[in-house]
Each structure stands twice: as C-alpha cells, then as structure tokens.
Amino acid sequence: MYERILKRICEKIHYRQYVMTQHARKEMIDDALSIYDVEHGILTGRILER
C-alpha cells in the first residue's frame, strides 16, 4: 500500500538526503540505536499502518 512512499524514503537514505532531528537523536540514544540501525530498519522494513 505504501510501497511508493517507502521507495522514496529509501532513495533519500541511499543518497544521504535526509536530516536527523534532535528529537530523533535523543530517541536513538534512549534506545541504544545507531544511525546505521535506523537506516537498516527503514531499508529492510515495511510500512504496516499509517
């Protein structure tokens, strides 16, 4: 259902055309995640619901 949107997000990751917000960085630290963990989750994941 959201394949087109996820494809666009993945393209932005591949070309490093995104900005990580301060809020996202804080959440990553709180959850002990690296930027690579977040990128991998997006690149290999799927959108389940809006």
PDB file of N, CA and C in Angstrom:
ATOM      1  N   MET A   1       0.817  -1.190   0.000  1.00  0.00           N
ATOM      2  CA  MET A   1       0.000   0.000   0.000  1.00  0.00           C
ATOM      3  C   MET A   1       0.865   1.261   0.000  1.00  0.00           C
ATOM      4  N   TYR A   2       1.944   1.243   0.768  1.00  0.00           N
ATOM      5  CA  TYR A   2       2.808   2.417   0.879  1.00  0.00           C
ATOM      6  C   TYR A   2       4.147   2.200   0.182  1.00  0.00           C
ATOM      7  N   GLU A   3       4.182   1.321  -0.804  1.00  0.00           N
ATOM      8  CA  GLU A   3       5.435   0.983  -1.474  1.00  0.00           C
ATOM      9  C   GLU A   3       6.100   2.207  -2.095  1.00  0.00           C
ATOM     10  N   ARG A   4       5.320   3.068  -2.710  1.00  0.00           N
ATOM     11  CA  ARG A   4       5.874   4.252  -3.371  1.00  0.00           C
ATOM     12  C   ARG A   4       6.536   5.180  -2.351  1.00  0.00           C
ATOM     13  N   ILE A   5       5.886   5.352  -1.218  1.00  0.00           N
ATOM     14  CA  ILE A   5       6.432   6.220  -0.169  1.00  0.00           C
ATOM     15  C   ILE A   5       7.712   5.615   0.411  1.00  0.00           C
ATOM     16  N   LEU A   6       7.693   4.329   0.715  1.00  0.00           N
ATOM     17  CA  LEU A   6       8.871   3.673   1.275  1.00  0.00           C
ATOM     18  C   LEU A   6      10.021   3.706   0.284  1.00  0.00           C
ATOM     19  N   LYS A   7       9.745   3.525  -0.995  1.00  0.00           N
ATOM     20  CA  LYS A   7      10.791   3.595  -2.012  1.00  0.00           C
ATOM     21  C   LYS A   7      11.439   4.971  -2.012  1.00  0.00           C
ATOM     22  N   ARG A   8      10.645   6.004  -1.897  1.00  0.00           N
ATOM     23  CA  ARG A   8      11.171   7.373  -1.877  1.00  0.00           C
ATOM     24  C   ARG A   8      12.028   7.610  -0.630  1.00  0.00           C
ATOM     25  N   ILE A   9      11.582   7.119   0.506  1.00  0.00           N
ATOM     26  CA  ILE A   9      12.356   7.254   1.744  1.00  0.00           C
ATOM     27  C   ILE A   9      13.685   6.519   1.610  1.00  0.00           C
ATOM     28  N   CYS A  10      13.659   5.320   1.062  1.00  0.00           N
ATOM     29  CA  CYS A  10      14.886   4.537   0.883  1.00  0.00           C
ATOM     30  C   CYS A  10      15.863   5.242  -0.051  1.00  0.00           C
ATOM     31  N   GLU A  11      15.349   5.862  -1.101  1.00  0.00           N
ATOM     32  CA  GLU A  11      16.214   6.617  -2.010  1.00  0.00           C
ATOM     33  C   GLU A  11      16.901   7.762  -1.269  1.00  0.00           C
ATOM     34  N   LYS A  12      16.162   8.441  -0.402  1.00  0.00           N
ATOM     35  CA  LYS A  12      16.744   9.534   0.380  1.00  0.00           C
ATOM     36  C   LYS A  12      17.859   9.013   1.284  1.00  0.00           C
ATOM     37  N   ILE A  13      17.682   7.846   1.854  1.00  0.00           N
ATOM     38  CA  ILE A  13      18.725   7.250   2.691  1.00  0.00           C
ATOM     39  C   ILE A  13      19.951   6.912   1.857  1.00  0.00           C
ATOM     40  N   HIS A  14      19.747   6.282   0.712  1.00  0.00           N
ATOM     41  CA  HIS A  14      20.869   5.903  -0.157  1.00  0.00           C
ATOM     42  C   HIS A  14      21.703   7.113  -0.567  1.00  0.00           C
ATOM     43  N   TYR A  15      21.063   8.224  -0.835  1.00  0.00           N
ATOM     44  CA  TYR A  15      21.761   9.429  -1.278  1.00  0.00           C
ATOM     45  C   TYR A  15      22.080  10.397  -0.139  1.00  0.00           C
ATOM     46  N   ARG A  16      21.819   9.969   1.111  1.00  0.00           N
ATOM     47  CA  ARG A  16      22.079  10.793   2.297  1.00  0.00           C
ATOM     48  C   ARG A  16      21.394  12.158   2.197  1.00  0.00           C
ATOM     49  N   GLN A  17      20.152  12.138   1.750  1.00  0.00           N
ATOM     50  CA  GLN A  17      19.374  13.365   1.581  1.00  0.00           C
ATOM     51  C   GLN A  17      18.286  13.453   2.652  1.00  0.00           C
ATOM     52  N   TYR A  18      18.694  13.367   3.897  1.00  0.00           N
ATOM     53  CA  TYR A  18      17.737  13.487   4.987  1.00  0.00           C
ATOM     54  C   TYR A  18      18.408  14.192   6.160  1.00  0.00           C
ATOM     55  N   VAL A  19      17.602  14.665   7.074  1.00  0.00           N
ATOM     56  CA  VAL A  19      18.097  15.338   8.272  1.00  0.00           C
ATOM     57  C   VAL A  19      17.570  14.577   9.480  1.00  0.00           C
ATOM     58  N   MET A  20      18.470  14.257  10.386  1.00  0.00           N
ATOM     59  CA  MET A  20      18.081  13.596  11.625  1.00  0.00           C
ATOM     60  C   MET A  20      17.809  14.689  12.657  1.00  0.00           C
ATOM     61  N   THR A  21      16.606  14.748  13.158  1.00  0.00           N
ATOM     62  CA  THR A  21      16.235  15.792  14.112  1.00  0.00           C
ATOM     63  C   THR A  21      16.843  15.511  15.491  1.00  0.00           C
ATOM     64  N   GLN A  22      16.890  16.542  16.306  1.00  0.00           N
ATOM     65  CA  GLN A  22      17.382  16.396  17.680  1.00  0.00           C
ATOM     66  C   GLN A  22      16.510  15.408  18.451  1.00  0.00           C
ATOM     67  N   HIS A  23      15.214  15.469  18.216  1.00  0.00           N
ATOM     68  CA  HIS A  23      14.300  14.546  18.895  1.00  0.00           C
ATOM     69  C   HIS A  23      14.626  13.102  18.505  1.00  0.00           C
ATOM     70  N   ALA A  24      14.844  12.872  17.214  1.00  0.00           N
ATOM     71  CA  ALA A  24      15.183  11.515  16.758  1.00  0.00           C
ATOM     72  C   ALA A  24      16.498  11.050  17.364  1.00  0.00           C
ATOM     73  N   ARG A  25      17.484  11.944  17.432  1.00  0.00           N
ATOM     74  CA  ARG A  25      18.780  11.589  18.039  1.00  0.00           C
ATOM     75  C   ARG A  25      18.609  11.209  19.512  1.00  0.00           C
ATOM     76  N   LYS A  26      17.779  11.957  20.223  1.00  0.00           N
ATOM     77  CA  LYS A  26      17.533  11.636  21.635  1.00  0.00           C
ATOM     78  C   LYS A  26      16.879  10.265  21.769  1.00  0.00           C
ATOM     79  N   GLU A  27      15.901   9.990  20.922  1.00  0.00           N
ATOM     80  CA  GLU A  27      15.227   8.686  20.968  1.00  0.00           C
ATOM     81  C   GLU A  27      16.198   7.559  20.632  1.00  0.00           C
ATOM     82  N   MET A  28      17.102   7.799  19.678  1.00  0.00           N
ATOM     83  CA  MET A  28      18.106   6.791  19.334  1.00  0.00           C
ATOM     84  C   MET A  28      19.007   6.502  20.528  1.00  0.00           C
ATOM     85  N   ILE A  29      19.440   7.553  21.202  1.00  0.00           N
ATOM     86  CA  ILE A  29      20.293   7.376  22.381  1.00  0.00           C
ATOM     87  C   ILE A  29      19.536   6.622  23.468  1.00  0.00           C
ATOM     88  N   ASP A  30      18.295   7.008  23.715  1.00  0.00           N
ATOM     89  CA  ASP A  30      17.486   6.348  24.741  1.00  0.00           C
ATOM     90  C   ASP A  30      17.301   4.859  24.450  1.00  0.00           C
ATOM     91  N   ASP A  31      17.234   4.507  23.161  1.00  0.00           N
ATOM     92  CA  ASP A  31      17.022   3.109  22.772  1.00  0.00           C
ATOM     93  C   ASP A  31      18.316   2.396  22.384  1.00  0.00           C
ATOM     94  N   ALA A  32      19.459   3.065  22.581  1.00  0.00           N
ATOM     95  CA  ALA A  32      20.777   2.493  22.262  1.00  0.00           C
ATOM     96  C   ALA A  32      20.867   2.061  20.800  1.00  0.00           C
ATOM     97  N   LEU A  33      20.397   2.925  19.908  1.00  0.00           N
ATOM     98  CA  LEU A  33      20.449   2.645  18.475  1.00  0.00           C
ATOM     99  C   LEU A  33      21.435   3.590  17.799  1.00  0.00           C
ATOM    100  N   SER A  34      22.077   3.100  16.752  1.00  0.00           N
ATOM    101  CA  SER A  34      22.947   3.950  15.944  1.00  0.00           C
ATOM    102  C   SER A  34      22.177   4.389  14.696  1.00  0.00           C
ATOM    103  N   ILE A  35      22.738   5.331  13.981  1.00  0.00           N
ATOM    104  CA  ILE A  35      22.111   5.760  12.730  1.00  0.00           C
ATOM    105  C   ILE A  35      22.034   4.589  11.751  1.00  0.00           C
ATOM    106  N   TYR A  36      23.020   3.698  11.812  1.00  0.00           N
ATOM    107  CA  TYR A  36      23.017   2.528  10.933  1.00  0.00           C
ATOM    108  C   TYR A  36      21.866   1.587  11.276  1.00  0.00           C
ATOM    109  N   ASP A  37      21.547   1.471  12.556  1.00  0.00           N
ATOM    110  CA  ASP A  37      20.404   0.648  12.962  1.00  0.00           C
ATOM    111  C   ASP A  37      19.104   1.218  12.388  1.00  0.00           C
ATOM    112  N   VAL A  38      18.952   2.521  12.485  1.00  0.00           N
ATOM    113  CA  VAL A  38      17.741   3.175  11.985  1.00  0.00           C
ATOM    114  C   VAL A  38      17.657   3.026  10.469  1.00  0.00           C
ATOM    115  N   GLU A  39      18.765   3.300   9.775  1.00  0.00           N
ATOM    116  CA  GLU A  39      18.770   3.166   8.314  1.00  0.00           C
ATOM    117  C   GLU A  39      18.456   1.735   7.903  1.00  0.00           C
ATOM    118  N   HIS A  40      19.073   0.777   8.564  1.00  0.00           N
ATOM    119  CA  HIS A  40      18.837  -0.635   8.220  1.00  0.00           C
ATOM    120  C   HIS A  40      17.375  -1.015   8.442  1.00  0.00           C
ATOM    121  N   GLY A  41      16.806  -0.534   9.530  1.00  0.00           N
ATOM    122  CA  GLY A  41      15.393  -0.825   9.799  1.00  0.00           C
ATOM    123  C   GLY A  41      14.488  -0.285   8.715  1.00  0.00           C
ATOM    124  N   ILE A  42      14.785   0.905   8.245  1.00  0.00           N
ATOM    125  CA  ILE A  42      13.970   1.503   7.182  1.00  0.00           C
ATOM    126  C   ILE A  42      14.199   0.784   5.858  1.00  0.00           C
ATOM    127  N   LEU A  43      15.464   0.518   5.528  1.00  0.00           N
ATOM    128  CA  LEU A  43      15.782  -0.097   4.244  1.00  0.00           C
ATOM    129  C   LEU A  43      15.278  -1.534   4.121  1.00  0.00           C
ATOM    130  N   THR A  44      15.154  -2.221   5.241  1.00  0.00           N
ATOM    131  CA  THR A  44      14.718  -3.621   5.186  1.00  0.00           C
ATOM    132  C   THR A  44      13.294  -3.834   5.697  1.00  0.00           C
ATOM    133  N   GLY A  45      12.687  -2.741   6.173  1.00  0.00           N
ATOM    134  CA  GLY A  45      11.363  -2.866   6.773  1.00  0.00           C
ATOM    135  C   GLY A  45      10.246  -2.567   5.797  1.00  0.00           C
ATOM    136  N   ARG A  46       9.060  -2.435   6.351  1.00  0.00           N
ATOM    137  CA  ARG A  46       7.897  -2.068   5.548  1.00  0.00           C
ATOM    138  C   ARG A  46       6.956  -1.245   6.419  1.00  0.00           C
ATOM    139  N   ILE A  47       6.106  -0.489   5.779  1.00  0.00           N
ATOM    140  CA  ILE A  47       5.129   0.340   6.486  1.00  0.00           C
ATOM    141  C   ILE A  47       3.878  -0.501   6.701  1.00  0.00           C
ATOM    142  N   LEU A  48       3.489  -0.674   7.946  1.00  0.00           N
ATOM    143  CA  LEU A  48       2.347  -1.523   8.264  1.00  0.00           C
ATOM    144  C   LEU A  48       1.050  -0.730   8.389  1.00  0.00           C
ATOM    145  N   GLU A  49       1.154   0.484   8.899  1.00  0.00           N
ATOM    146  CA  GLU A  49      -0.057   1.288   9.070  1.00  0.00           C
ATOM    147  C   GLU A  49       0.306   2.747   9.059  1.00  0.00           C
ATOM    148  N   ARG A  50      -0.667   3.563   8.831  1.00  0.00           N
ATOM    149  CA  ARG A  50      -0.445   4.994   8.779  1.00  0.00           C
ATOM    150  C   ARG A  50      -0.434   5.600  10.153  1.00  0.00           C
TER     151      ARG A  50
END
